[in-house]
C-alpha atoms as a PDB file:
ATOM      1  CA  MET A   1      54.445 -47.156 -82.721  1.00  0.00           C
ATOM      2  CA  GLU A   2      56.021 -50.395 -81.647  1.00  0.00           C
ATOM      3  CA  ASN A   3      55.988 -52.025 -85.295  1.00  0.00           C
ATOM      4  CA  LYS A   4      56.375 -50.660 -88.720  1.00  0.00           C
ATOM      5  CA  ASP A   5      52.851 -51.433 -90.520  1.00  0.00           C
ATOM      6  CA  SER A   6      51.118 -48.402 -90.598  1.00  0.00           C
ATOM      7  CA  GLY A   7      47.308 -46.767 -91.442  1.00  0.00           C
ATOM      8  CA  PRO A   8      44.147 -47.569 -89.056  1.00  0.00           C
ATOM      9  CA  GLN A   9      44.893 -50.782 -87.779  1.00  0.00           C
ATOM     10  CA  ALA A  10      47.968 -49.636 -86.288  1.00  0.00           C
ATOM     11  CA  PHE A  11      46.904 -47.359 -84.836  1.00  0.00           C
ATOM     12  CA  LEU A  12      43.893 -48.580 -83.033  1.00  0.00           C
ATOM     13  CA  GLU A  13      46.187 -51.642 -81.822  1.00  0.00           C
ATOM     14  CA  PHE A  14      48.809 -49.207 -80.822  1.00  0.00           C
ATOM     15  CA  VAL A  15      45.562 -47.729 -78.499  1.00  0.00           C
ATOM     16  CA  ASN A  16      44.328 -51.427 -77.245  1.00  0.00           C
ATOM     17  CA  GLN A  17      47.938 -52.020 -75.879  1.00  0.00           C
ATOM     18  CA  ARG A  18      47.979 -48.900 -74.216  1.00  0.00           C
ATOM     19  CA  LEU A  19      44.847 -49.545 -72.836  1.00  0.00           C
ATOM     20  CA  ALA A  20      45.656 -52.449 -72.035  1.00  0.00           C
ATOM     21  CA  LYS A  21      48.865 -51.620 -70.459  1.00  0.00           C
ATOM     22  CA  ARG A  22      47.039 -49.099 -68.445  1.00  0.00           C
ATOM     23  CA  GLN A  23      43.727 -51.256 -67.138  1.00  0.00           C
ATOM     24  CA  ARG A  24      46.815 -53.708 -65.823  1.00  0.00           C
ATOM     25  CA  GLU A  25      48.346 -51.007 -63.957  1.00  0.00           C
ATOM     26  CA  LEU A  26      45.181 -49.704 -62.887  1.00  0.00           C
ATOM     27  CA  ASP A  27      43.786 -53.280 -61.163  1.00  0.00           C
ATOM     28  CA  GLY A  28      46.941 -53.425 -59.398  1.00  0.00           C
ATOM     29  CA  ALA A  29      46.851 -49.765 -58.049  1.00  0.00           C
ATOM     30  CA  VAL A  30      45.148 -49.130 -54.574  1.00  0.00           C
ATOM     31  CA  LYS A  31      41.982 -47.548 -54.966  1.00  0.00           C
ATOM     32  CA  PHE A  32      41.018 -44.167 -53.997  1.00  0.00           C
ATOM     33  CA  SER A  33      44.643 -43.217 -54.159  1.00  0.00           C
ATOM     34  CA  SER A  34      46.334 -39.936 -56.124  1.00  0.00           C
ATOM     35  CA  HIS A  35      47.717 -43.007 -58.523  1.00  0.00           C
ATOM     36  CA  TYR A  36      44.372 -44.536 -59.143  1.00  0.00           C
ATOM     37  CA  SER A  37      42.114 -41.497 -59.897  1.00  0.00           C
ATOM     38  CA  GLN A  38      45.173 -40.833 -62.483  1.00  0.00           C
ATOM     39  CA  VAL A  39      45.801 -44.397 -64.199  1.00  0.00           C
ATOM     40  CA  GLU A  40      41.629 -44.144 -63.885  1.00  0.00           C
ATOM     41  CA  THR A  41      41.586 -40.927 -66.213  1.00  0.00           C
ATOM     42  CA  VAL A  42      44.100 -42.554 -68.347  1.00  0.00           C
ATOM     43  CA  VAL A  43      42.003 -45.900 -69.180  1.00  0.00           C
ATOM     44  CA  MET A  44      38.439 -43.728 -69.229  1.00  0.00           C
ATOM     45  CA  GLU A  45      40.231 -41.400 -71.996  1.00  0.00           C
ATOM     46  CA  LEU A  46      42.114 -44.041 -73.754  1.00  0.00           C
ATOM     47  CA  LYS A  47      38.221 -45.650 -74.168  1.00  0.00           C
ATOM     48  CA  ALA A  48      36.748 -42.381 -75.311  1.00  0.00           C
ATOM     49  CA  ILE A  49      39.767 -41.868 -78.078  1.00  0.00           C
ATOM     50  CA  ARG A  50      39.243 -45.190 -79.187  1.00  0.00           C
ATOM     51  CA  THR A  51      35.446 -45.158 -79.088  1.00  0.00           C
ATOM     52  CA  LYS A  52      36.060 -41.990 -81.518  1.00  0.00           C
ATOM     53  CA  PHE A  53      38.748 -43.597 -83.623  1.00  0.00           C
ATOM     54  CA  MET A  54      36.450 -46.642 -84.241  1.00  0.00           C
ATOM     55  CA  THR A  55      33.299 -44.482 -85.355  1.00  0.00           C
ATOM     56  CA  LEU A  56      35.259 -42.158 -87.771  1.00  0.00           C
ATOM     57  CA  MET A  57      37.370 -44.850 -89.430  1.00  0.00           C
ATOM     58  CA  ARG A  58      34.108 -47.038 -89.593  1.00  0.00           C
ATOM     59  CA  ARG A  59      31.962 -44.030 -91.118  1.00  0.00           C
ATOM     60  CA  GLU A  60      34.823 -43.943 -93.778  1.00  0.00           C
ATOM     61  CA  GLY A  61      34.854 -47.838 -94.314  1.00  0.00           C
ATOM     62  CA  LEU A  62      38.274 -47.939 -93.464  1.00  0.00           C
ATOM     63  CA  LEU A  63      37.923 -50.445 -90.398  1.00  0.00           C
END
């Protein structure tokens, strides 16, 4: 993680930054190329990670 903060908020911000970066990359990629499908997979995985993390943190009362 780039900043020195730690904890749930810092991790969530880290995932959001990576997701935004990959989404911009996906938006600029040629659709139906192998690169597009790879980045699309990464975006879907990051969204799944973010959703599961937020669900867990809310359940624990940390977010």
